[in-house]
Amino acid sequence: MVIQRIQVRIPKDYLQEPVISHLVSQYGLTVNIATAILGEHSREDGWFELELRGSEEQIRSAQIYMNDLDLEVLSESKSPEFSW
């Protein structure tokens, strides 16, 4: 299990597209929305700080999906999840 924190800008053109939902349903990730910044009445781009949890392959596939959508993604380093 890997945890990766990212910041992603979702352009207003994609506000009706379930981008974050697809990260869960299509790629099997667990997604925690740490921060969300949306314009008034959702007519502006949205910025989201997400914590992604999944396998290396799931995260890599999700990154390809976001790249294909041409989303601006800033990522922090991945870290293995520690189980106690």
Protein backbone atom coordinates (compact mmCIF):
# COMPACT_ATOMS: atom_id res chain seq x y z
CA MET A 1 0.00 0.00 0.00
CA VAL A 2 1.30 3.44 -0.99
CA ILE A 3 0.10 6.89 0.06
CA GLN A 4 0.60 9.85 -2.22
CA ARG A 5 -0.52 13.43 -1.61
CA ILE A 6 -1.23 15.53 -4.67
CA GLN A 7 -2.65 18.90 -5.54
CA VAL A 8 -4.74 18.89 -8.69
CA ARG A 9 -6.41 21.68 -10.63
CA ILE A 10 -9.62 20.60 -12.28
CA PRO A 11 -10.57 23.10 -15.01
CA LYS A 12 -14.10 24.46 -15.06
CA ASP A 13 -14.70 22.48 -18.27
CA TYR A 14 -14.45 19.28 -16.18
CA LEU A 15 -16.60 20.36 -13.24
CA GLN A 16 -19.42 18.09 -14.40
CA GLU A 17 -16.96 15.22 -15.01
CA PRO A 18 -16.62 12.89 -11.98
CA VAL A 19 -12.81 13.03 -11.96
CA ILE A 20 -12.30 12.24 -8.27
CA SER A 21 -15.03 9.61 -8.33
CA HIS A 22 -13.25 7.86 -11.22
CA LEU A 23 -10.09 7.64 -9.12
CA VAL A 24 -12.11 5.45 -6.76
CA SER A 25 -14.38 3.52 -9.13
CA GLN A 26 -12.04 3.01 -12.10
CA TYR A 27 -8.67 2.76 -10.36
CA GLY A 28 -9.62 1.31 -6.97
CA LEU A 29 -7.94 4.07 -4.97
CA THR A 30 -9.01 5.31 -1.58
CA VAL A 31 -9.18 9.10 -1.88
CA ASN A 32 -9.24 11.58 0.98
CA ILE A 33 -10.02 15.18 0.04
CA ALA A 34 -7.84 17.18 2.44
CA THR A 35 -8.62 20.61 0.94
CA ALA A 36 -10.90 21.89 -1.79
CA ILE A 37 -11.01 25.41 -3.23
CA LEU A 38 -13.86 26.14 -5.60
CA GLY A 39 -15.02 29.39 -7.12
CA GLU A 40 -18.43 30.84 -6.40
CA HIS A 41 -21.19 28.71 -7.98
CA SER A 42 -18.47 26.37 -9.34
CA ARG A 43 -17.86 28.49 -12.42
CA GLU A 44 -14.10 28.60 -11.89
CA ASP A 45 -11.36 25.99 -11.85
CA GLY A 46 -11.16 23.93 -8.68
CA TRP A 47 -8.03 23.08 -6.69
CA PHE A 48 -8.01 19.93 -4.60
CA GLU A 49 -5.45 18.50 -2.23
CA LEU A 50 -5.94 14.74 -2.31
CA GLU A 51 -4.43 11.85 -0.42
CA LEU A 52 -4.38 8.77 -2.66
CA ARG A 53 -4.02 5.28 -1.19
CA GLY A 54 -3.48 2.22 -3.30
CA SER A 55 -0.89 0.06 -4.99
CA GLU A 56 1.92 1.51 -7.08
CA GLU A 57 0.12 0.29 -10.22
CA GLN A 58 -3.22 1.85 -9.21
CA ILE A 59 -1.58 5.21 -8.55
CA ARG A 60 0.41 5.03 -11.78
CA SER A 61 -2.77 4.26 -13.78
CA ALA A 62 -4.61 7.13 -12.09
CA GLN A 63 -1.74 9.48 -12.95
CA ILE A 64 -2.02 8.45 -16.61
CA TYR A 65 -5.76 9.17 -16.48
CA MET A 66 -5.18 12.64 -15.02
CA ASN A 67 -2.43 13.33 -17.58
CA ASP A 68 -4.78 12.25 -20.40
CA LEU A 69 -7.28 14.84 -19.13
CA ASP A 70 -4.41 17.39 -19.12
CA LEU A 71 -4.99 18.25 -15.47
CA GLU A 72 -2.36 20.24 -13.61
CA VAL A 73 -1.04 17.91 -10.92
CA LEU A 74 1.56 18.75 -8.28
CA SER A 75 2.63 15.73 -6.30
CA GLU A 76 4.58 14.99 -3.18
CA SER A 77 6.67 11.89 -2.80
CA LYS A 78 5.06 8.53 -2.29
CA SER A 79 5.51 6.73 0.99
CA PRO A 80 4.69 3.18 2.01
CA GLU A 81 1.84 2.86 4.46
CA PHE A 82 2.94 1.57 7.82
CA SER A 83 0.76 -0.97 9.57
CA TRP A 84 0.98 -1.17 13.31
